[in-house]
Amino acid sequence: MRGFKRVVLLLVVLVVVLVVLGFVLENQQGVSLSFLGWATAQMPVAVFVVLALIVGMLIGPLLGVLVGSRRRKKAFAERG
């Protein structure tokens, strides 16, 4: 059973890698982003999308931890 789970996990990881590779290969158009007067160098669209994904994956759990800790503190303070 343990070996089966490893094979399934390996297949899932392989599929994800192939999807990401296909996405990157399909989005090679060069773009430059500008925001509040700040502009980036011209890079493929996939670079910006993957960077946004990574930043979101880092910020999301951090906000979840902060909100969760505030809720726990509030619940603890209400109990007395």
PDB file of N, CA and C in Angstrom:
ATOM      1  N   MET A   1       0.823  -1.194   0.000  1.00  0.00           N
ATOM      2  CA  MET A   1       0.000   0.000   0.000  1.00  0.00           C
ATOM      3  C   MET A   1       0.869   1.261   0.000  1.00  0.00           C
ATOM      4  N   ARG A   2       1.962   1.200   0.741  1.00  0.00           N
ATOM      5  CA  ARG A   2       2.857   2.352   0.822  1.00  0.00           C
ATOM      6  C   ARG A   2       3.500   2.640  -0.531  1.00  0.00           C
ATOM      7  N   GLY A   3       3.873   1.584  -1.235  1.00  0.00           N
ATOM      8  CA  GLY A   3       4.463   1.736  -2.556  1.00  0.00           C
ATOM      9  C   GLY A   3       3.462   2.301  -3.563  1.00  0.00           C
ATOM     10  N   PHE A   4       2.196   1.906  -3.431  1.00  0.00           N
ATOM     11  CA  PHE A   4       1.155   2.417  -4.311  1.00  0.00           C
ATOM     12  C   PHE A   4       0.968   3.918  -4.116  1.00  0.00           C
ATOM     13  N   LYS A   5       0.982   4.366  -2.866  1.00  0.00           N
ATOM     14  CA  LYS A   5       0.839   5.795  -2.575  1.00  0.00           C
ATOM     15  C   LYS A   5       2.007   6.587  -3.160  1.00  0.00           C
ATOM     16  N   ARG A   6       3.185   6.028  -3.082  1.00  0.00           N
ATOM     17  CA  ARG A   6       4.357   6.706  -3.655  1.00  0.00           C
ATOM     18  C   ARG A   6       4.246   6.819  -5.165  1.00  0.00           C
ATOM     19  N   VAL A   7       3.765   5.760  -5.817  1.00  0.00           N
ATOM     20  CA  VAL A   7       3.606   5.780  -7.270  1.00  0.00           C
ATOM     21  C   VAL A   7       2.554   6.817  -7.661  1.00  0.00           C
ATOM     22  N   VAL A   8       1.433   6.861  -6.939  1.00  0.00           N
ATOM     23  CA  VAL A   8       0.387   7.840  -7.224  1.00  0.00           C
ATOM     24  C   VAL A   8       0.916   9.252  -7.010  1.00  0.00           C
ATOM     25  N   LEU A   9       1.644   9.482  -5.923  1.00  0.00           N
ATOM     26  CA  LEU A   9       2.224  10.799  -5.658  1.00  0.00           C
ATOM     27  C   LEU A   9       3.198  11.189  -6.760  1.00  0.00           C
ATOM     28  N   LEU A  10       4.018  10.257  -7.188  1.00  0.00           N
ATOM     29  CA  LEU A  10       4.967  10.520  -8.266  1.00  0.00           C
ATOM     30  C   LEU A  10       4.236  10.887  -9.561  1.00  0.00           C
ATOM     31  N   LEU A  11       3.163  10.176  -9.873  1.00  0.00           N
ATOM     32  CA  LEU A  11       2.383  10.483 -11.071  1.00  0.00           C
ATOM     33  C   LEU A  11       1.724  11.862 -10.983  1.00  0.00           C
ATOM     34  N   VAL A  12       1.205  12.203  -9.819  1.00  0.00           N
ATOM     35  CA  VAL A  12       0.585  13.522  -9.635  1.00  0.00           C
ATOM     36  C   VAL A  12       1.624  14.621  -9.807  1.00  0.00           C
ATOM     37  N   VAL A  13       2.790  14.446  -9.204  1.00  0.00           N
ATOM     38  CA  VAL A  13       3.864  15.437  -9.335  1.00  0.00           C
ATOM     39  C   VAL A  13       4.289  15.554 -10.788  1.00  0.00           C
ATOM     40  N   LEU A  14       4.402  14.447 -11.479  1.00  0.00           N
ATOM     41  CA  LEU A  14       4.782  14.451 -12.888  1.00  0.00           C
ATOM     42  C   LEU A  14       3.755  15.199 -13.734  1.00  0.00           C
ATOM     43  N   VAL A  15       2.480  14.972 -13.485  1.00  0.00           N
ATOM     44  CA  VAL A  15       1.429  15.674 -14.222  1.00  0.00           C
ATOM     45  C   VAL A  15       1.501  17.175 -13.953  1.00  0.00           C
ATOM     46  N   VAL A  16       1.694  17.572 -12.700  1.00  0.00           N
ATOM     47  CA  VAL A  16       1.798  18.994 -12.362  1.00  0.00           C
ATOM     48  C   VAL A  16       2.995  19.622 -13.071  1.00  0.00           C
ATOM     49  N   VAL A  17       4.124  18.939 -13.069  1.00  0.00           N
ATOM     50  CA  VAL A  17       5.319  19.452 -13.739  1.00  0.00           C
ATOM     51  C   VAL A  17       5.058  19.604 -15.238  1.00  0.00           C
ATOM     52  N   LEU A  18       4.398  18.645 -15.850  1.00  0.00           N
ATOM     53  CA  LEU A  18       4.098  18.733 -17.280  1.00  0.00           C
ATOM     54  C   LEU A  18       3.129  19.874 -17.582  1.00  0.00           C
ATOM     55  N   VAL A  19       2.151  20.086 -16.720  1.00  0.00           N
ATOM     56  CA  VAL A  19       1.202  21.193 -16.921  1.00  0.00           C
ATOM     57  C   VAL A  19       1.930  22.530 -16.810  1.00  0.00           C
ATOM     58  N   VAL A  20       2.780  22.677 -15.801  1.00  0.00           N
ATOM     59  CA  VAL A  20       3.536  23.920 -15.632  1.00  0.00           C
ATOM     60  C   VAL A  20       4.470  24.133 -16.829  1.00  0.00           C
ATOM     61  N   LEU A  21       5.128  23.083 -17.269  1.00  0.00           N
ATOM     62  CA  LEU A  21       6.014  23.188 -18.430  1.00  0.00           C
ATOM     63  C   LEU A  21       5.229  23.609 -19.672  1.00  0.00           C
ATOM     64  N   GLY A  22       4.074  23.023 -19.886  1.00  0.00           N
ATOM     65  CA  GLY A  22       3.235  23.415 -21.015  1.00  0.00           C
ATOM     66  C   GLY A  22       2.794  24.861 -20.914  1.00  0.00           C
ATOM     67  N   PHE A  23       2.438  25.301 -19.703  1.00  0.00           N
ATOM     68  CA  PHE A  23       2.043  26.690 -19.494  1.00  0.00           C
ATOM     69  C   PHE A  23       3.187  27.635 -19.836  1.00  0.00           C
ATOM     70  N   VAL A  24       4.365  27.315 -19.364  1.00  0.00           N
ATOM     71  CA  VAL A  24       5.524  28.172 -19.610  1.00  0.00           C
ATOM     72  C   VAL A  24       5.845  28.227 -21.103  1.00  0.00           C
ATOM     73  N   LEU A  25       5.783  27.090 -21.770  1.00  0.00           N
ATOM     74  CA  LEU A  25       6.097  27.059 -23.195  1.00  0.00           C
ATOM     75  C   LEU A  25       5.055  27.792 -24.038  1.00  0.00           C
ATOM     76  N   GLU A  26       3.809  27.821 -23.580  1.00  0.00           N
ATOM     77  CA  GLU A  26       2.750  28.501 -24.326  1.00  0.00           C
ATOM     78  C   GLU A  26       2.714  30.004 -24.069  1.00  0.00           C
ATOM     79  N   ASN A  27       3.386  30.476 -23.038  1.00  0.00           N
ATOM     80  CA  ASN A  27       3.319  31.888 -22.663  1.00  0.00           C
ATOM     81  C   ASN A  27       4.698  32.522 -22.692  1.00  0.00           C
ATOM     82  N   GLN A  28       5.283  32.553 -23.851  1.00  0.00           N
ATOM     83  CA  GLN A  28       6.620  33.107 -24.027  1.00  0.00           C
ATOM     84  C   GLN A  28       6.608  34.556 -24.505  1.00  0.00           C
ATOM     85  N   GLN A  29       5.418  35.140 -24.675  1.00  0.00           N
ATOM     86  CA  GLN A  29       5.358  36.526 -25.135  1.00  0.00           C
ATOM     87  C   GLN A  29       5.987  37.430 -24.082  1.00  0.00           C
ATOM     88  N   GLY A  30       6.780  38.372 -24.546  1.00  0.00           N
ATOM     89  CA  GLY A  30       7.425  39.296 -23.626  1.00  0.00           C
ATOM     90  C   GLY A  30       6.495  40.438 -23.248  1.00  0.00           C
ATOM     91  N   VAL A  31       6.434  40.746 -21.964  1.00  0.00           N
ATOM     92  CA  VAL A  31       5.635  41.868 -21.475  1.00  0.00           C
ATOM     93  C   VAL A  31       6.432  42.615 -20.419  1.00  0.00           C
ATOM     94  N   SER A  32       6.043  43.850 -20.196  1.00  0.00           N
ATOM     95  CA  SER A  32       6.635  44.661 -19.143  1.00  0.00           C
ATOM     96  C   SER A  32       5.501  45.174 -18.277  1.00  0.00           C
ATOM     97  N   LEU A  33       5.615  45.040 -16.986  1.00  0.00           N
ATOM     98  CA  LEU A  33       4.590  45.523 -16.072  1.00  0.00           C
ATOM     99  C   LEU A  33       5.010  46.875 -15.521  1.00  0.00           C
ATOM    100  N   SER A  34       4.042  47.766 -15.357  1.00  0.00           N
ATOM    101  CA  SER A  34       4.326  49.049 -14.718  1.00  0.00           C
ATOM    102  C   SER A  34       3.262  49.303 -13.659  1.00  0.00           C
ATOM    103  N   PHE A  35       3.704  49.833 -12.521  1.00  0.00           N
ATOM    104  CA  PHE A  35       2.812  50.091 -11.397  1.00  0.00           C
ATOM    105  C   PHE A  35       3.359  51.269 -10.612  1.00  0.00           C
ATOM    106  N   LEU A  36       2.561  52.329 -10.510  1.00  0.00           N
ATOM    107  CA  LEU A  36       2.936  53.535  -9.768  1.00  0.00           C
ATOM    108  C   LEU A  36       4.289  54.097 -10.212  1.00  0.00           C
ATOM    109  N   GLY A  37       4.511  54.107 -11.516  1.00  0.00           N
ATOM    110  CA  GLY A  37       5.741  54.663 -12.046  1.00  0.00           C
ATOM    111  C   GLY A  37       6.920  53.708 -12.063  1.00  0.00           C
ATOM    112  N   TRP A  38       6.763  52.548 -11.491  1.00  0.00           N
ATOM    113  CA  TRP A  38       7.830  51.548 -11.462  1.00  0.00           C
ATOM    114  C   TRP A  38       7.558  50.540 -12.568  1.00  0.00           C
ATOM    115  N   ALA A  39       8.548  50.238 -13.378  1.00  0.00           N
ATOM    116  CA  ALA A  39       8.368  49.307 -14.500  1.00  0.00           C
ATOM    117  C   ALA A  39       9.390  48.177 -14.406  1.00  0.00           C
ATOM    118  N   THR A  40       8.965  47.009 -14.842  1.00  0.00           N
ATOM    119  CA  THR A  40       9.862  45.856 -14.844  1.00  0.00           C
ATOM    120  C   THR A  40      10.505  45.726 -16.208  1.00  0.00           C
ATOM    121  N   ALA A  41      11.521  44.910 -16.268  1.00  0.00           N
ATOM    122  CA  ALA A  41      12.125  44.564 -17.555  1.00  0.00           C
ATOM    123  C   ALA A  41      11.141  43.686 -18.323  1.00  0.00           C
ATOM    124  N   GLN A  42      11.329  43.578 -19.607  1.00  0.00           N
ATOM    125  CA  GLN A  42      10.447  42.750 -20.421  1.00  0.00           C
ATOM    126  C   GLN A  42      10.815  41.282 -20.215  1.00  0.00           C
ATOM    127  N   MET A  43       9.827  40.514 -19.736  1.00  0.00           N
ATOM    128  CA  MET A  43      10.005  39.087 -19.466  1.00  0.00           C
ATOM    129  C   MET A  43       8.790  38.335 -19.974  1.00  0.00           C
ATOM    130  N   PRO A  44       8.896  37.018 -20.110  1.00  0.00           N
ATOM    131  CA  PRO A  44       7.729  36.235 -20.541  1.00  0.00           C
ATOM    132  C   PRO A  44       6.585  36.329 -19.529  1.00  0.00           C
ATOM    133  N   VAL A  45       5.362  36.235 -20.041  1.00  0.00           N
ATOM    134  CA  VAL A  45       4.169  36.287 -19.196  1.00  0.00           C
ATOM    135  C   VAL A  45       4.235  35.229 -18.104  1.00  0.00           C
ATOM    136  N   ALA A  46       4.717  34.053 -18.431  1.00  0.00           N
ATOM    137  CA  ALA A  46       4.761  32.951 -17.473  1.00  0.00           C
ATOM    138  C   ALA A  46       5.578  33.307 -16.232  1.00  0.00           C
ATOM    139  N   VAL A  47       6.613  34.099 -16.388  1.00  0.00           N
ATOM    140  CA  VAL A  47       7.444  34.485 -15.238  1.00  0.00           C
ATOM    141  C   VAL A  47       6.612  35.265 -14.237  1.00  0.00           C
ATOM    142  N   PHE A  48       5.846  36.234 -14.726  1.00  0.00           N
ATOM    143  CA  PHE A  48       5.025  37.046 -13.829  1.00  0.00           C
ATOM    144  C   PHE A  48       3.920  36.220 -13.164  1.00  0.00           C
ATOM    145  N   VAL A  49       3.316  35.325 -13.930  1.00  0.00           N
ATOM    146  CA  VAL A  49       2.243  34.503 -13.376  1.00  0.00           C
ATOM    147  C   VAL A  49       2.788  33.556 -12.305  1.00  0.00           C
ATOM    148  N   VAL A  50       3.914  32.919 -12.569  1.00  0.00           N
ATOM    149  CA  VAL A  50       4.505  32.005 -11.587  1.00  0.00           C
ATOM    150  C   VAL A  50       4.956  32.775 -10.347  1.00  0.00           C
ATOM    151  N   LEU A  51       5.530  33.961 -10.515  1.00  0.00           N
ATOM    152  CA  LEU A  51       5.911  34.773  -9.360  1.00  0.00           C
ATOM    153  C   LEU A  51       4.694  35.170  -8.533  1.00  0.00           C
ATOM    154  N   ALA A  52       3.606  35.545  -9.192  1.00  0.00           N
ATOM    155  CA  ALA A  52       2.382  35.883  -8.471  1.00  0.00           C
ATOM    156  C   ALA A  52       1.848  34.672  -7.704  1.00  0.00           C
ATOM    157  N   LEU A  53       1.936  33.498  -8.306  1.00  0.00           N
ATOM    158  CA  LEU A  53       1.503  32.278  -7.631  1.00  0.00           C
ATOM    159  C   LEU A  53       2.337  32.012  -6.385  1.00  0.00           C
ATOM    160  N   ILE A  54       3.642  32.143  -6.502  1.00  0.00           N
ATOM    161  CA  ILE A  54       4.534  31.890  -5.371  1.00  0.00           C
ATOM    162  C   ILE A  54       4.284  32.893  -4.255  1.00  0.00           C
ATOM    163  N   VAL A  55       4.141  34.168  -4.603  1.00  0.00           N
ATOM    164  CA  VAL A  55       3.875  35.192  -3.584  1.00  0.00           C
ATOM    165  C   VAL A  55       2.541  34.900  -2.886  1.00  0.00           C
ATOM    166  N   GLY A  56       1.532  34.536  -3.656  1.00  0.00           N
ATOM    167  CA  GLY A  56       0.243  34.193  -3.063  1.00  0.00           C
ATOM    168  C   GLY A  56       0.316  32.979  -2.155  1.00  0.00           C
ATOM    169  N   MET A  57       1.120  31.999  -2.546  1.00  0.00           N
ATOM    170  CA  MET A  57       1.267  30.802  -1.718  1.00  0.00           C
ATOM    171  C   MET A  57       2.014  31.110  -0.426  1.00  0.00           C
ATOM    172  N   LEU A  58       2.826  32.146  -0.409  1.00  0.00           N
ATOM    173  CA  LEU A  58       3.522  32.544   0.813  1.00  0.00           C
ATOM    174  C   LEU A  58       2.654  33.442   1.691  1.00  0.00           C
ATOM    175  N   ILE A  59       1.953  34.393   1.086  1.00  0.00           N
ATOM    176  CA  ILE A  59       1.154  35.350   1.848  1.00  0.00           C
ATOM    177  C   ILE A  59      -0.110  34.704   2.416  1.00  0.00           C
ATOM    178  N   GLY A  60      -0.761  33.852   1.653  1.00  0.00           N
ATOM    179  CA  GLY A  60      -2.004  33.217   2.100  1.00  0.00           C
ATOM    180  C   GLY A  60      -1.882  32.500   3.438  1.00  0.00           C
ATOM    181  N   PRO A  61      -0.961  31.563   3.576  1.00  0.00           N
ATOM    182  CA  PRO A  61      -0.817  30.879   4.862  1.00  0.00           C
ATOM    183  C   PRO A  61      -0.394  31.820   6.002  1.00  0.00           C
ATOM    184  N   LEU A  62       0.426  32.810   5.698  1.00  0.00           N
ATOM    185  CA  LEU A  62       0.818  33.761   6.746  1.00  0.00           C
ATOM    186  C   LEU A  62      -0.387  34.530   7.270  1.00  0.00           C
ATOM    187  N   LEU A  63      -1.250  34.982   6.371  1.00  0.00           N
ATOM    188  CA  LEU A  63      -2.467  35.666   6.804  1.00  0.00           C
ATOM    189  C   LEU A  63      -3.377  34.717   7.578  1.00  0.00           C
ATOM    190  N   GLY A  64      -3.440  33.473   7.152  1.00  0.00           N
ATOM    191  CA  GLY A  64      -4.235  32.488   7.875  1.00  0.00           C
ATOM    192  C   GLY A  64      -3.750  32.284   9.298  1.00  0.00           C
ATOM    193  N   VAL A  65      -2.451  32.252   9.482  1.00  0.00           N
ATOM    194  CA  VAL A  65      -1.879  32.102  10.820  1.00  0.00           C
ATOM    195  C   VAL A  65      -2.190  33.327  11.665  1.00  0.00           C
ATOM    196  N   LEU A  66      -2.050  34.516  11.087  1.00  0.00           N
ATOM    197  CA  LEU A  66      -2.327  35.746  11.834  1.00  0.00           C
ATOM    198  C   LEU A  66      -3.791  35.836  12.245  1.00  0.00           C
ATOM    199  N   VAL A  67      -4.698  35.558  11.320  1.00  0.00           N
ATOM    200  CA  VAL A  67      -6.124  35.618  11.631  1.00  0.00           C
ATOM    201  C   VAL A  67      -6.479  34.547  12.658  1.00  0.00           C
ATOM    202  N   GLY A  68      -5.926  33.358  12.502  1.00  0.00           N
ATOM    203  CA  GLY A  68      -6.203  32.278  13.448  1.00  0.00           C
ATOM    204  C   GLY A  68      -5.717  32.595  14.844  1.00  0.00           C
ATOM    205  N   SER A  69      -4.545  33.197  14.953  1.00  0.00           N
ATOM    206  CA  SER A  69      -4.024  33.529  16.278  1.00  0.00           C
ATOM    207  C   SER A  69      -4.861  34.622  16.927  1.00  0.00           C
ATOM    208  N   ARG A  70      -5.347  35.574  16.149  1.00  0.00           N
ATOM    209  CA  ARG A  70      -6.207  36.626  16.708  1.00  0.00           C
ATOM    210  C   ARG A  70      -7.526  36.044  17.190  1.00  0.00           C
ATOM    211  N   ARG A  71      -8.070  35.111  16.429  1.00  0.00           N
ATOM    212  CA  ARG A  71      -9.330  34.471  16.855  1.00  0.00           C
ATOM    213  C   ARG A  71      -9.135  33.686  18.144  1.00  0.00           C
ATOM    214  N   ARG A  72      -8.013  32.977  18.235  1.00  0.00           N
ATOM    215  CA  ARG A  72      -7.754  32.215  19.457  1.00  0.00           C
ATOM    216  C   ARG A  72      -7.589  33.137  20.656  1.00  0.00           C
ATOM    217  N   LYS A  73      -6.873  34.264  20.469  1.00  0.00           N
ATOM    218  CA  LYS A  73      -6.701  35.215  21.560  1.00  0.00           C
ATOM    219  C   LYS A  73      -8.027  35.806  21.981  1.00  0.00           C
ATOM    220  N   LYS A  74      -8.875  36.144  21.007  1.00  0.00           N
ATOM    221  CA  LYS A  74     -10.180  36.715  21.311  1.00  0.00           C
ATOM    222  C   LYS A  74     -11.051  35.703  22.056  1.00  0.00           C
ATOM    223  N   ALA A  75     -11.065  34.459  21.589  1.00  0.00           N
ATOM    224  CA  ALA A  75     -11.860  33.423  22.241  1.00  0.00           C
ATOM    225  C   ALA A  75     -11.351  33.162  23.648  1.00  0.00           C
ATOM    226  N   PHE A  76     -10.037  33.177  23.838  1.00  0.00           N
ATOM    227  CA  PHE A  76      -9.464  32.962  25.159  1.00  0.00           C
ATOM    228  C   PHE A  76      -9.820  34.112  26.107  1.00  0.00           C
ATOM    229  N   ALA A  77      -9.800  35.345  25.600  1.00  0.00           N
ATOM    230  CA  ALA A  77     -10.115  36.518  26.429  1.00  0.00           C
ATOM    231  C   ALA A  77     -11.594  36.512  26.811  1.00  0.00           C
ATOM    232  N   GLU A  78     -12.464  36.025  25.946  1.00  0.00           N
ATOM    233  CA  GLU A  78     -13.897  35.988  26.264  1.00  0.00           C
ATOM    234  C   GLU A  78     -14.210  34.945  27.332  1.00  0.00           C
ATOM    235  N   ARG A  79     -13.426  33.873  27.356  1.00  0.00           N
ATOM    236  CA  ARG A  79     -13.655  32.830  28.376  1.00  0.00           C
ATOM    237  C   ARG A  79     -13.259  33.296  29.752  1.00  0.00           C
ATOM    238  N   GLY A  80     -12.279  34.150  29.772  1.00  0.00           N
ATOM    239  CA  GLY A  80     -11.951  34.758  31.038  1.00  0.00           C
ATOM    240  C   GLY A  80     -10.757  34.252  31.669  1.00  0.00           C
TER     241      GLY A  80
END
